[in-house]
N, C-alpha and C. Protein backbone atom coordinates (compact mmCIF):
# COMPACT_ATOMS: atom_id res chain seq x y z
N MET A 1 -27.03 17.05 -8.90
CA MET A 1 -25.57 17.03 -8.90
C MET A 1 -24.97 18.01 -7.90
N SER A 2 -25.82 18.76 -7.21
CA SER A 2 -25.31 19.80 -6.31
C SER A 2 -24.50 19.21 -5.17
N ASN A 3 -24.81 17.98 -4.75
CA ASN A 3 -24.10 17.36 -3.64
C ASN A 3 -22.88 16.56 -4.08
N LEU A 4 -22.66 16.44 -5.37
CA LEU A 4 -21.59 15.61 -5.89
C LEU A 4 -20.49 16.46 -6.53
N PRO A 5 -19.24 15.99 -6.46
CA PRO A 5 -18.16 16.71 -7.14
C PRO A 5 -18.29 16.55 -8.66
N LYS A 6 -17.67 17.44 -9.39
CA LYS A 6 -17.70 17.36 -10.84
C LYS A 6 -17.00 16.08 -11.28
N PRO A 7 -17.67 15.25 -12.07
CA PRO A 7 -17.05 13.96 -12.45
C PRO A 7 -16.02 14.10 -13.56
N LYS A 8 -15.08 13.18 -13.55
CA LYS A 8 -14.15 13.05 -14.67
C LYS A 8 -14.73 11.97 -15.58
N ILE A 9 -15.08 12.34 -16.79
CA ILE A 9 -15.73 11.40 -17.71
C ILE A 9 -14.71 10.86 -18.70
N ILE A 10 -14.59 9.55 -18.74
CA ILE A 10 -13.67 8.88 -19.67
C ILE A 10 -14.50 8.07 -20.66
N ARG A 11 -14.42 8.45 -21.90
CA ARG A 11 -15.21 7.77 -22.93
C ARG A 11 -14.34 6.76 -23.69
N SER A 12 -14.97 5.66 -24.08
CA SER A 12 -14.26 4.62 -24.82
C SER A 12 -15.28 3.80 -25.62
N MET A 13 -14.82 2.68 -26.18
CA MET A 13 -15.69 1.82 -26.99
C MET A 13 -16.56 0.90 -26.13
N ARG A 14 -16.51 1.07 -24.84
CA ARG A 14 -17.29 0.21 -23.95
C ARG A 14 -18.78 0.37 -24.22
N ARG A 15 -19.59 -0.58 -23.73
CA ARG A 15 -21.03 -0.57 -23.98
C ARG A 15 -21.85 -0.08 -22.79
N THR A 16 -21.26 -0.08 -21.63
CA THR A 16 -22.00 0.31 -20.44
C THR A 16 -21.24 1.40 -19.67
N MET A 17 -21.93 1.99 -18.69
CA MET A 17 -21.30 2.99 -17.85
C MET A 17 -20.87 2.37 -16.52
N SER A 18 -19.82 2.92 -15.94
CA SER A 18 -19.37 2.45 -14.63
C SER A 18 -18.89 3.63 -13.81
N LEU A 19 -18.91 3.46 -12.48
CA LEU A 19 -18.50 4.51 -11.55
C LEU A 19 -17.31 4.05 -10.73
N HIS A 20 -16.47 5.02 -10.38
CA HIS A 20 -15.33 4.71 -9.51
C HIS A 20 -14.97 5.97 -8.73
N VAL A 21 -14.71 5.82 -7.45
CA VAL A 21 -14.21 6.91 -6.63
C VAL A 21 -12.76 6.59 -6.30
N SER A 22 -11.84 7.44 -6.75
CA SER A 22 -10.42 7.18 -6.56
C SER A 22 -10.01 7.37 -5.11
N SER A 23 -8.79 6.96 -4.78
CA SER A 23 -8.29 7.08 -3.41
C SER A 23 -8.14 8.54 -2.99
N GLN A 24 -8.14 9.46 -3.97
CA GLN A 24 -8.06 10.88 -3.66
C GLN A 24 -9.42 11.58 -3.69
N GLY A 25 -10.49 10.78 -3.82
CA GLY A 25 -11.83 11.34 -3.80
C GLY A 25 -12.32 11.87 -5.12
N GLU A 26 -11.68 11.48 -6.21
CA GLU A 26 -12.12 11.92 -7.53
C GLU A 26 -13.21 10.99 -8.06
N LEU A 27 -14.28 11.57 -8.55
CA LEU A 27 -15.40 10.79 -9.10
C LEU A 27 -15.13 10.54 -10.59
N ILE A 28 -15.01 9.29 -10.95
CA ILE A 28 -14.66 8.92 -12.33
C ILE A 28 -15.79 8.12 -12.95
N VAL A 29 -16.22 8.55 -14.13
CA VAL A 29 -17.27 7.85 -14.87
C VAL A 29 -16.68 7.35 -16.18
N LYS A 30 -16.83 6.07 -16.42
CA LYS A 30 -16.42 5.50 -17.71
C LYS A 30 -17.68 5.25 -18.53
N ALA A 31 -17.72 5.82 -19.73
CA ALA A 31 -18.95 5.77 -20.52
C ALA A 31 -18.64 5.53 -22.00
N PRO A 32 -19.63 4.99 -22.74
CA PRO A 32 -19.47 4.80 -24.19
C PRO A 32 -19.40 6.16 -24.90
N PHE A 33 -18.81 6.17 -26.07
CA PHE A 33 -18.70 7.39 -26.85
C PHE A 33 -20.06 8.02 -27.15
N PHE A 34 -21.08 7.16 -27.43
CA PHE A 34 -22.35 7.67 -27.95
C PHE A 34 -23.31 8.16 -26.87
N ILE A 35 -23.00 7.95 -25.58
CA ILE A 35 -23.91 8.35 -24.51
C ILE A 35 -23.83 9.87 -24.28
N PRO A 36 -24.95 10.59 -24.40
CA PRO A 36 -24.92 12.04 -24.16
C PRO A 36 -24.67 12.36 -22.69
N GLU A 37 -24.13 13.53 -22.45
CA GLU A 37 -23.78 13.92 -21.08
C GLU A 37 -25.00 13.96 -20.17
N LYS A 38 -26.15 14.30 -20.71
CA LYS A 38 -27.37 14.36 -19.91
C LYS A 38 -27.68 13.01 -19.28
N LEU A 39 -27.51 11.92 -20.05
CA LEU A 39 -27.76 10.58 -19.52
C LEU A 39 -26.73 10.21 -18.46
N ILE A 40 -25.52 10.68 -18.65
CA ILE A 40 -24.47 10.42 -17.65
C ILE A 40 -24.83 11.09 -16.33
N LEU A 41 -25.30 12.34 -16.40
CA LEU A 41 -25.69 13.06 -15.20
C LEU A 41 -26.89 12.40 -14.51
N ASN A 42 -27.82 11.88 -15.30
CA ASN A 42 -28.96 11.16 -14.73
C ASN A 42 -28.49 9.89 -14.02
N PHE A 43 -27.52 9.22 -14.64
CA PHE A 43 -26.94 8.01 -14.07
C PHE A 43 -26.30 8.32 -12.71
N LEU A 44 -25.59 9.44 -12.65
CA LEU A 44 -24.96 9.85 -11.39
C LEU A 44 -26.01 10.18 -10.33
N LYS A 45 -27.08 10.81 -10.76
CA LYS A 45 -28.14 11.16 -9.82
C LYS A 45 -28.76 9.91 -9.21
N GLN A 46 -28.95 8.88 -10.02
CA GLN A 46 -29.52 7.62 -9.55
C GLN A 46 -28.58 6.94 -8.54
N LYS A 47 -27.29 7.15 -8.73
CA LYS A 47 -26.30 6.50 -7.87
C LYS A 47 -25.79 7.42 -6.77
N GLU A 48 -26.50 8.51 -6.54
CA GLU A 48 -26.01 9.53 -5.61
C GLU A 48 -25.72 8.99 -4.21
N ASP A 49 -26.62 8.17 -3.67
CA ASP A 49 -26.42 7.64 -2.32
C ASP A 49 -25.12 6.82 -2.25
N TRP A 50 -24.93 5.96 -3.25
CA TRP A 50 -23.72 5.13 -3.27
C TRP A 50 -22.47 6.00 -3.38
N ILE A 51 -22.54 7.02 -4.23
CA ILE A 51 -21.38 7.91 -4.44
C ILE A 51 -21.03 8.65 -3.16
N LEU A 52 -22.02 9.17 -2.47
CA LEU A 52 -21.77 9.92 -1.24
C LEU A 52 -21.15 9.04 -0.16
N LYS A 53 -21.62 7.79 -0.07
CA LYS A 53 -21.04 6.86 0.91
C LYS A 53 -19.60 6.54 0.55
N ALA A 54 -19.36 6.35 -0.76
CA ALA A 54 -17.99 6.05 -1.21
C ALA A 54 -17.06 7.23 -0.94
N LEU A 55 -17.55 8.45 -1.19
CA LEU A 55 -16.75 9.65 -0.94
C LEU A 55 -16.45 9.81 0.54
N GLN A 56 -17.44 9.51 1.38
CA GLN A 56 -17.25 9.61 2.82
C GLN A 56 -16.21 8.61 3.29
N LYS A 57 -16.27 7.41 2.74
CA LYS A 57 -15.31 6.36 3.11
C LYS A 57 -13.90 6.76 2.72
N VAL A 58 -13.74 7.28 1.49
CA VAL A 58 -12.43 7.70 1.02
C VAL A 58 -11.93 8.89 1.84
N GLY A 59 -12.84 9.82 2.13
CA GLY A 59 -12.46 11.01 2.89
C GLY A 59 -11.88 10.67 4.25
N SER A 60 -12.41 9.63 4.87
CA SER A 60 -11.91 9.22 6.18
C SER A 60 -10.53 8.61 6.10
N ARG A 61 -10.13 8.22 4.87
CA ARG A 61 -8.82 7.59 4.70
C ARG A 61 -7.75 8.54 4.19
N ILE A 62 -8.17 9.69 3.70
CA ILE A 62 -7.18 10.63 3.17
C ILE A 62 -6.37 11.21 4.32
N VAL A 63 -5.07 11.07 4.23
CA VAL A 63 -4.19 11.51 5.30
C VAL A 63 -3.50 12.81 4.89
N LYS A 64 -3.43 13.73 5.84
CA LYS A 64 -2.74 14.98 5.57
C LYS A 64 -1.25 14.73 5.35
N GLN A 65 -0.64 15.58 4.55
CA GLN A 65 0.79 15.45 4.32
C GLN A 65 1.55 15.68 5.61
N LYS A 66 2.66 14.99 5.74
CA LYS A 66 3.47 15.10 6.94
C LYS A 66 4.03 16.52 7.08
N THR A 67 4.10 16.99 8.32
CA THR A 67 4.68 18.30 8.60
C THR A 67 6.04 18.18 9.27
N TYR A 68 6.35 16.97 9.75
CA TYR A 68 7.64 16.67 10.39
C TYR A 68 7.87 17.51 11.65
N GLN A 69 6.77 17.71 12.38
CA GLN A 69 6.87 18.40 13.66
C GLN A 69 6.98 17.37 14.77
N ALA A 70 7.65 17.75 15.84
CA ALA A 70 7.79 16.85 16.99
C ALA A 70 6.41 16.39 17.46
N GLY A 71 6.27 15.11 17.71
CA GLY A 71 5.00 14.55 18.15
C GLY A 71 4.17 13.95 17.04
N GLU A 72 4.54 14.24 15.77
CA GLU A 72 3.80 13.68 14.66
C GLU A 72 4.00 12.16 14.63
N GLU A 73 2.96 11.43 14.22
CA GLU A 73 2.99 9.97 14.30
C GLU A 73 3.46 9.32 13.00
N PHE A 74 4.29 8.29 13.15
CA PHE A 74 4.80 7.52 12.03
C PHE A 74 4.66 6.03 12.35
N LEU A 75 4.41 5.24 11.33
CA LEU A 75 4.26 3.79 11.50
C LEU A 75 5.58 3.07 11.26
N PHE A 76 5.82 2.04 12.06
CA PHE A 76 6.96 1.15 11.84
C PHE A 76 6.57 -0.22 12.36
N LEU A 77 6.58 -1.22 11.48
CA LEU A 77 6.17 -2.59 11.81
C LEU A 77 4.79 -2.63 12.48
N GLY A 78 3.91 -1.75 11.99
CA GLY A 78 2.53 -1.77 12.45
C GLY A 78 2.26 -0.98 13.72
N ASP A 79 3.31 -0.49 14.37
CA ASP A 79 3.14 0.29 15.59
C ASP A 79 3.33 1.77 15.31
N VAL A 80 2.72 2.60 16.13
CA VAL A 80 2.79 4.05 15.95
C VAL A 80 3.89 4.62 16.85
N TYR A 81 4.74 5.47 16.25
CA TYR A 81 5.82 6.13 16.98
C TYR A 81 5.73 7.64 16.76
N LYS A 82 6.01 8.39 17.81
CA LYS A 82 5.96 9.85 17.71
C LYS A 82 7.34 10.41 17.41
N LEU A 83 7.38 11.34 16.46
CA LEU A 83 8.62 11.94 16.04
C LEU A 83 9.24 12.75 17.19
N HIS A 84 10.53 12.51 17.42
CA HIS A 84 11.22 13.15 18.53
C HIS A 84 12.63 13.54 18.09
N PHE A 85 12.97 14.79 18.28
CA PHE A 85 14.30 15.27 17.92
C PHE A 85 15.18 15.39 19.16
N GLY A 86 16.47 15.14 18.98
CA GLY A 86 17.40 15.24 20.11
C GLY A 86 18.84 15.05 19.65
N GLY A 87 19.72 14.96 20.62
CA GLY A 87 21.15 14.83 20.31
C GLY A 87 21.56 13.40 20.00
N PHE A 88 20.84 12.76 19.09
CA PHE A 88 21.14 11.37 18.73
C PHE A 88 22.18 11.32 17.61
N LYS A 89 22.89 10.22 17.51
CA LYS A 89 23.88 10.04 16.45
C LYS A 89 23.24 9.53 15.17
N GLU A 90 22.12 8.82 15.31
CA GLU A 90 21.42 8.26 14.16
C GLU A 90 19.95 8.06 14.50
N ILE A 91 19.16 7.82 13.47
CA ILE A 91 17.72 7.58 13.69
C ILE A 91 17.54 6.23 14.38
N ASN A 92 16.68 6.21 15.38
CA ASN A 92 16.39 4.97 16.08
C ASN A 92 15.00 5.03 16.68
N ILE A 93 14.53 3.91 17.14
CA ILE A 93 13.21 3.80 17.75
C ILE A 93 13.35 3.27 19.17
N SER A 94 12.64 3.93 20.11
CA SER A 94 12.66 3.46 21.50
C SER A 94 11.49 4.06 22.27
N ASN A 95 10.87 3.25 23.10
CA ASN A 95 9.80 3.72 24.00
C ASN A 95 8.72 4.54 23.30
N GLY A 96 8.29 4.05 22.14
CA GLY A 96 7.21 4.73 21.43
C GLY A 96 7.64 5.99 20.70
N LEU A 97 8.95 6.23 20.59
CA LEU A 97 9.45 7.43 19.94
C LEU A 97 10.30 7.08 18.71
N LEU A 98 10.15 7.87 17.69
CA LEU A 98 11.01 7.79 16.50
C LEU A 98 12.04 8.90 16.68
N ASN A 99 13.20 8.53 17.16
CA ASN A 99 14.23 9.51 17.51
C ASN A 99 15.07 9.92 16.30
N VAL A 100 15.16 11.22 16.05
CA VAL A 100 15.90 11.74 14.91
C VAL A 100 16.91 12.78 15.40
N PRO A 101 18.16 12.68 14.96
CA PRO A 101 19.17 13.67 15.36
C PRO A 101 18.78 15.09 14.95
N ASP A 102 19.10 16.04 15.79
CA ASP A 102 18.79 17.44 15.50
C ASP A 102 19.38 17.89 14.17
N PHE A 103 20.60 17.40 13.85
CA PHE A 103 21.27 17.88 12.64
C PHE A 103 20.59 17.39 11.35
N MET A 104 19.61 16.49 11.46
CA MET A 104 18.88 16.01 10.29
C MET A 104 17.58 16.77 10.03
N MET A 105 17.26 17.71 10.90
CA MET A 105 15.97 18.38 10.82
C MET A 105 15.75 19.08 9.47
N PHE A 106 16.80 19.66 8.91
CA PHE A 106 16.62 20.44 7.69
C PHE A 106 16.41 19.56 6.47
N ARG A 107 16.69 18.27 6.59
CA ARG A 107 16.45 17.34 5.48
C ARG A 107 15.72 16.10 6.00
N ILE A 108 14.78 16.33 6.88
CA ILE A 108 14.13 15.25 7.62
C ILE A 108 13.44 14.22 6.72
N LYS A 109 12.72 14.67 5.68
CA LYS A 109 12.01 13.71 4.83
C LYS A 109 12.98 12.78 4.13
N LYS A 110 14.06 13.32 3.59
CA LYS A 110 15.05 12.51 2.90
C LYS A 110 15.70 11.52 3.84
N GLU A 111 16.05 11.98 5.04
CA GLU A 111 16.71 11.11 6.00
C GLU A 111 15.78 10.00 6.49
N LEU A 112 14.53 10.35 6.76
CA LEU A 112 13.58 9.34 7.22
C LEU A 112 13.30 8.30 6.13
N THR A 113 13.15 8.77 4.90
CA THR A 113 12.91 7.86 3.79
C THR A 113 14.07 6.89 3.63
N SER A 114 15.29 7.41 3.69
CA SER A 114 16.49 6.55 3.57
C SER A 114 16.53 5.54 4.70
N TRP A 115 16.16 5.97 5.91
CA TRP A 115 16.17 5.06 7.06
C TRP A 115 15.13 3.96 6.89
N TYR A 116 13.93 4.33 6.47
CA TYR A 116 12.89 3.33 6.23
C TYR A 116 13.32 2.33 5.16
N ILE A 117 13.91 2.81 4.09
CA ILE A 117 14.34 1.92 3.00
C ILE A 117 15.40 0.96 3.49
N SER A 118 16.38 1.46 4.26
CA SER A 118 17.45 0.58 4.75
C SER A 118 16.90 -0.47 5.71
N GLN A 119 15.94 -0.07 6.55
CA GLN A 119 15.32 -1.03 7.46
C GLN A 119 14.54 -2.09 6.68
N ALA A 120 13.85 -1.66 5.64
CA ALA A 120 13.06 -2.59 4.82
C ALA A 120 13.97 -3.59 4.12
N LYS A 121 15.06 -3.12 3.55
CA LYS A 121 15.97 -4.00 2.83
C LYS A 121 16.51 -5.09 3.74
N LYS A 122 16.91 -4.71 4.92
CA LYS A 122 17.49 -5.68 5.85
C LYS A 122 16.44 -6.68 6.34
N LEU A 123 15.33 -6.16 6.87
CA LEU A 123 14.34 -7.05 7.47
C LEU A 123 13.67 -7.94 6.43
N ILE A 124 13.26 -7.37 5.32
CA ILE A 124 12.53 -8.17 4.32
C ILE A 124 13.45 -9.18 3.66
N THR A 125 14.71 -8.81 3.41
CA THR A 125 15.66 -9.77 2.83
C THR A 125 15.87 -10.94 3.78
N ASP A 126 16.05 -10.65 5.07
CA ASP A 126 16.19 -11.72 6.06
C ASP A 126 14.95 -12.60 6.10
N ARG A 127 13.79 -11.95 5.98
CA ARG A 127 12.53 -12.71 6.03
C ARG A 127 12.38 -13.61 4.81
N VAL A 128 12.77 -13.09 3.65
CA VAL A 128 12.69 -13.89 2.42
C VAL A 128 13.59 -15.13 2.55
N ASP A 129 14.81 -14.94 3.04
CA ASP A 129 15.73 -16.07 3.18
C ASP A 129 15.17 -17.12 4.14
N TYR A 130 14.56 -16.66 5.22
CA TYR A 130 14.00 -17.59 6.21
C TYR A 130 12.80 -18.35 5.63
N VAL A 131 11.85 -17.61 5.05
CA VAL A 131 10.64 -18.24 4.51
C VAL A 131 10.96 -19.13 3.32
N CYS A 132 11.95 -18.73 2.55
CA CYS A 132 12.35 -19.51 1.38
C CYS A 132 12.73 -20.93 1.79
N LYS A 133 13.45 -21.06 2.89
CA LYS A 133 13.84 -22.38 3.38
C LYS A 133 12.62 -23.17 3.85
N GLN A 134 11.69 -22.46 4.51
CA GLN A 134 10.48 -23.12 4.99
C GLN A 134 9.63 -23.65 3.84
N MET A 135 9.64 -22.93 2.72
CA MET A 135 8.82 -23.30 1.57
C MET A 135 9.57 -24.17 0.57
N ASN A 136 10.86 -24.37 0.84
CA ASN A 136 11.70 -25.15 -0.08
C ASN A 136 11.64 -24.59 -1.50
N SER A 137 11.77 -23.27 -1.59
CA SER A 137 11.72 -22.59 -2.88
C SER A 137 13.04 -21.87 -3.15
N LYS A 138 13.17 -21.30 -4.33
CA LYS A 138 14.39 -20.58 -4.71
C LYS A 138 14.00 -19.28 -5.41
N TYR A 139 14.83 -18.26 -5.22
CA TYR A 139 14.62 -16.99 -5.93
C TYR A 139 15.94 -16.52 -6.51
N ALA A 140 15.86 -15.67 -7.52
CA ALA A 140 17.07 -15.22 -8.21
C ALA A 140 17.70 -13.99 -7.56
N SER A 141 16.87 -13.02 -7.21
CA SER A 141 17.38 -11.78 -6.63
C SER A 141 16.25 -11.03 -5.95
N ILE A 142 16.62 -10.01 -5.18
CA ILE A 142 15.61 -9.16 -4.52
C ILE A 142 15.96 -7.70 -4.80
N ARG A 143 14.94 -6.92 -5.13
CA ARG A 143 15.14 -5.48 -5.22
C ARG A 143 13.93 -4.78 -4.61
N PHE A 144 14.09 -3.51 -4.33
CA PHE A 144 13.05 -2.75 -3.65
C PHE A 144 12.64 -1.54 -4.47
N SER A 145 11.37 -1.18 -4.36
CA SER A 145 10.83 -0.08 -5.14
C SER A 145 9.77 0.65 -4.33
N ASP A 146 9.15 1.63 -4.96
CA ASP A 146 8.04 2.35 -4.34
C ASP A 146 6.85 2.34 -5.29
N THR A 147 6.58 1.17 -5.87
CA THR A 147 5.49 1.02 -6.82
C THR A 147 4.17 0.99 -6.06
N SER A 148 3.36 2.03 -6.23
CA SER A 148 2.15 2.16 -5.44
C SER A 148 1.11 1.08 -5.74
N SER A 149 1.17 0.50 -6.94
CA SER A 149 0.15 -0.46 -7.34
C SER A 149 0.47 -1.89 -6.89
N LYS A 150 1.69 -2.12 -6.42
CA LYS A 150 2.07 -3.48 -6.04
C LYS A 150 2.87 -3.47 -4.73
N TRP A 151 2.59 -4.47 -3.90
CA TRP A 151 3.38 -4.65 -2.69
C TRP A 151 4.56 -5.57 -2.95
N GLY A 152 4.41 -6.41 -3.97
CA GLY A 152 5.50 -7.31 -4.33
C GLY A 152 5.24 -7.91 -5.69
N SER A 153 6.27 -8.46 -6.27
CA SER A 153 6.11 -9.13 -7.56
C SER A 153 7.19 -10.18 -7.72
N CYS A 154 6.92 -11.11 -8.61
CA CYS A 154 7.88 -12.18 -8.92
C CYS A 154 7.94 -12.31 -10.44
N SER A 155 9.11 -12.10 -11.01
CA SER A 155 9.28 -12.16 -12.46
C SER A 155 9.41 -13.61 -12.92
N PRO A 156 9.33 -13.86 -14.22
CA PRO A 156 9.45 -15.23 -14.73
C PRO A 156 10.74 -15.95 -14.33
N ASP A 157 11.81 -15.16 -14.10
CA ASP A 157 13.07 -15.80 -13.70
C ASP A 157 13.23 -15.87 -12.18
N ASN A 158 12.12 -15.63 -11.48
CA ASN A 158 12.07 -15.70 -10.01
C ASN A 158 12.84 -14.57 -9.31
N SER A 159 12.96 -13.43 -9.98
CA SER A 159 13.49 -12.24 -9.32
C SER A 159 12.34 -11.59 -8.55
N LEU A 160 12.59 -11.24 -7.31
CA LEU A 160 11.55 -10.69 -6.45
C LEU A 160 11.69 -9.18 -6.30
N GLN A 161 10.56 -8.53 -6.16
CA GLN A 161 10.56 -7.09 -5.91
C GLN A 161 9.55 -6.79 -4.82
N PHE A 162 9.93 -5.91 -3.88
CA PHE A 162 9.06 -5.55 -2.77
C PHE A 162 8.99 -4.04 -2.61
N ASN A 163 7.84 -3.57 -2.19
CA ASN A 163 7.66 -2.16 -1.88
C ASN A 163 8.25 -1.90 -0.49
N TRP A 164 9.20 -0.98 -0.40
CA TRP A 164 9.86 -0.75 0.89
C TRP A 164 8.90 -0.24 1.97
N ARG A 165 7.74 0.31 1.56
CA ARG A 165 6.78 0.80 2.54
C ARG A 165 6.18 -0.32 3.38
N LEU A 166 6.40 -1.56 2.98
CA LEU A 166 5.94 -2.69 3.79
C LEU A 166 6.54 -2.66 5.19
N ILE A 167 7.68 -1.99 5.35
CA ILE A 167 8.33 -1.94 6.66
C ILE A 167 7.45 -1.21 7.68
N MET A 168 6.44 -0.50 7.21
CA MET A 168 5.51 0.18 8.11
C MET A 168 4.38 -0.74 8.57
N THR A 169 4.23 -1.88 7.94
CA THR A 169 3.13 -2.80 8.25
C THR A 169 3.56 -3.81 9.31
N PRO A 170 2.60 -4.48 9.95
CA PRO A 170 2.95 -5.51 10.93
C PRO A 170 3.79 -6.62 10.29
N LEU A 171 4.61 -7.27 11.09
CA LEU A 171 5.46 -8.34 10.58
C LEU A 171 4.65 -9.46 9.95
N THR A 172 3.46 -9.71 10.47
CA THR A 172 2.61 -10.76 9.89
C THR A 172 2.18 -10.40 8.47
N VAL A 173 1.99 -9.11 8.21
CA VAL A 173 1.62 -8.66 6.87
C VAL A 173 2.81 -8.79 5.92
N ILE A 174 3.99 -8.40 6.41
CA ILE A 174 5.21 -8.57 5.61
C ILE A 174 5.40 -10.04 5.28
N ASN A 175 5.18 -10.89 6.27
CA ASN A 175 5.35 -12.32 6.06
C ASN A 175 4.40 -12.83 4.97
N TYR A 176 3.15 -12.33 4.98
CA TYR A 176 2.19 -12.74 3.95
C TYR A 176 2.68 -12.36 2.56
N VAL A 177 3.15 -11.12 2.39
CA VAL A 177 3.60 -10.67 1.07
C VAL A 177 4.81 -11.50 0.61
N VAL A 178 5.70 -11.80 1.53
CA VAL A 178 6.86 -12.62 1.21
C VAL A 178 6.42 -14.02 0.77
N VAL A 179 5.50 -14.62 1.52
CA VAL A 179 4.99 -15.94 1.17
C VAL A 179 4.31 -15.89 -0.19
N HIS A 180 3.53 -14.85 -0.41
CA HIS A 180 2.80 -14.69 -1.68
C HIS A 180 3.77 -14.71 -2.87
N GLU A 181 4.83 -13.90 -2.77
CA GLU A 181 5.76 -13.82 -3.90
C GLU A 181 6.61 -15.09 -4.04
N LEU A 182 6.98 -15.69 -2.93
CA LEU A 182 7.74 -16.94 -3.02
C LEU A 182 6.87 -18.07 -3.56
N ALA A 183 5.56 -18.00 -3.28
CA ALA A 183 4.65 -19.00 -3.85
C ALA A 183 4.64 -18.91 -5.37
N HIS A 184 4.89 -17.72 -5.89
CA HIS A 184 4.94 -17.53 -7.34
C HIS A 184 6.20 -18.15 -7.95
N THR A 185 7.21 -18.43 -7.15
CA THR A 185 8.37 -19.14 -7.68
C THR A 185 8.04 -20.60 -7.92
N ILE A 186 6.94 -21.05 -7.32
CA ILE A 186 6.48 -22.44 -7.48
C ILE A 186 5.32 -22.52 -8.46
N GLU A 187 4.38 -21.59 -8.30
CA GLU A 187 3.18 -21.54 -9.14
C GLU A 187 3.03 -20.11 -9.67
N LYS A 188 3.15 -19.94 -10.98
CA LYS A 188 3.23 -18.61 -11.58
C LYS A 188 1.90 -17.85 -11.66
N ASN A 189 0.80 -18.52 -11.45
CA ASN A 189 -0.50 -17.85 -11.56
C ASN A 189 -1.18 -17.81 -10.19
N HIS A 190 -2.42 -17.35 -10.18
CA HIS A 190 -3.21 -17.33 -8.94
C HIS A 190 -4.25 -18.45 -8.95
N SER A 191 -3.80 -19.62 -9.28
CA SER A 191 -4.67 -20.79 -9.33
C SER A 191 -5.02 -21.27 -7.93
N ARG A 192 -5.90 -22.24 -7.88
CA ARG A 192 -6.26 -22.83 -6.59
C ARG A 192 -5.03 -23.42 -5.92
N ARG A 193 -4.15 -24.02 -6.70
CA ARG A 193 -2.91 -24.59 -6.14
C ARG A 193 -2.04 -23.50 -5.51
N PHE A 194 -1.98 -22.35 -6.18
CA PHE A 194 -1.20 -21.23 -5.64
C PHE A 194 -1.71 -20.83 -4.26
N TRP A 195 -3.03 -20.63 -4.15
CA TRP A 195 -3.58 -20.18 -2.87
C TRP A 195 -3.47 -21.25 -1.78
N LYS A 196 -3.43 -22.51 -2.18
CA LYS A 196 -3.20 -23.59 -1.20
C LYS A 196 -1.80 -23.47 -0.62
N ILE A 197 -0.84 -23.11 -1.47
CA ILE A 197 0.54 -22.92 -1.00
C ILE A 197 0.59 -21.76 -0.01
N VAL A 198 -0.05 -20.66 -0.38
CA VAL A 198 -0.08 -19.49 0.50
C VAL A 198 -0.74 -19.83 1.82
N ASP A 199 -1.88 -20.51 1.75
CA ASP A 199 -2.64 -20.86 2.95
C ASP A 199 -1.85 -21.77 3.87
N LEU A 200 -1.04 -22.63 3.29
CA LEU A 200 -0.24 -23.56 4.09
C LEU A 200 0.77 -22.82 4.96
N HIS A 201 1.32 -21.74 4.42
CA HIS A 201 2.39 -21.03 5.12
C HIS A 201 1.93 -19.77 5.86
N THR A 202 0.75 -19.27 5.53
CA THR A 202 0.19 -18.14 6.28
C THR A 202 -1.33 -18.23 6.21
N PRO A 203 -1.93 -19.08 7.06
CA PRO A 203 -3.37 -19.36 7.02
C PRO A 203 -4.27 -18.13 7.15
N ALA A 204 -3.78 -17.07 7.80
CA ALA A 204 -4.60 -15.87 7.99
C ALA A 204 -4.34 -14.84 6.89
N TYR A 205 -3.97 -15.32 5.71
CA TYR A 205 -3.57 -14.38 4.64
C TYR A 205 -4.69 -13.43 4.24
N LYS A 206 -5.94 -13.85 4.36
CA LYS A 206 -7.04 -12.96 3.99
C LYS A 206 -7.12 -11.76 4.93
N GLN A 207 -6.82 -11.98 6.20
CA GLN A 207 -6.80 -10.88 7.16
C GLN A 207 -5.66 -9.90 6.84
N HIS A 208 -4.52 -10.44 6.42
CA HIS A 208 -3.37 -9.59 6.11
C HIS A 208 -3.63 -8.77 4.85
N ARG A 209 -4.30 -9.38 3.88
CA ARG A 209 -4.67 -8.64 2.66
C ARG A 209 -5.64 -7.52 3.02
N LYS A 210 -6.56 -7.80 3.91
CA LYS A 210 -7.54 -6.79 4.33
C LYS A 210 -6.84 -5.65 5.05
N TRP A 211 -5.84 -5.98 5.87
CA TRP A 211 -5.10 -4.93 6.59
C TRP A 211 -4.45 -3.97 5.59
N LEU A 212 -3.85 -4.51 4.55
CA LEU A 212 -3.22 -3.67 3.54
C LEU A 212 -4.24 -2.79 2.83
N ASP A 213 -5.37 -3.37 2.53
CA ASP A 213 -6.42 -2.62 1.83
C ASP A 213 -6.94 -1.47 2.69
N LEU A 214 -7.11 -1.71 3.98
CA LEU A 214 -7.68 -0.71 4.87
C LEU A 214 -6.67 0.34 5.32
N ASN A 215 -5.38 0.00 5.32
CA ASN A 215 -4.38 0.90 5.89
C ASN A 215 -3.31 1.40 4.92
N LYS A 216 -3.40 1.05 3.66
CA LYS A 216 -2.34 1.44 2.71
C LYS A 216 -2.18 2.95 2.62
N HIS A 217 -3.26 3.68 2.88
CA HIS A 217 -3.18 5.15 2.82
C HIS A 217 -2.35 5.74 3.95
N LEU A 218 -2.07 4.96 4.98
CA LEU A 218 -1.30 5.44 6.12
C LEU A 218 0.20 5.23 5.97
N LEU A 219 0.59 4.50 4.94
CA LEU A 219 2.00 4.12 4.79
C LEU A 219 2.79 5.21 4.07
N SER A 220 2.95 6.32 4.74
CA SER A 220 3.64 7.46 4.13
C SER A 220 4.73 7.99 5.06
N VAL A 221 5.70 8.64 4.44
CA VAL A 221 6.80 9.26 5.20
C VAL A 221 6.80 10.75 4.91
């Protein structure tokens, strides 16, 4: 166990043990109530190679917290922009730069977050209206959130919800999430028919899902 971090052990009525490395690099073991800790440690030792590879993979994805210094990189629609301060009237993007007015420096995180949210609301709402016509579907309403576990959702009454951080992803990825949720206005489950609808309107959806999985840790302000 010398090469492994101290595990978080979660006991329950389950019959078998399982391993999980969280997005923050925490080693989590789920085990039955009756299994002694010694057997759990032996189990970890047997899985040491797998655990170390998983930790290495997660470690490469952990992103340092933003410092909001000039030159720091931010994502917008899948492209990287460098933070730049100047005598601007409002936040804007041009020539690879994320331009921020000097007077916003003291509250930069709040201002940037508000800007990203406003951009997301406008672009994604426009995209939903466009795709909705293409799919001949209907929705009740749209709202935005910062739910880390979901990029989008569709309620039983066809109300849609989207994570505003999608504005940092490529437009093709946004389009996939929009198609996915609008497909739920037609088919409420993830049946074969549902995925046929998604495939019809965004054939490369598997690539877009993979992009989200590989890059979700980068979608921060």
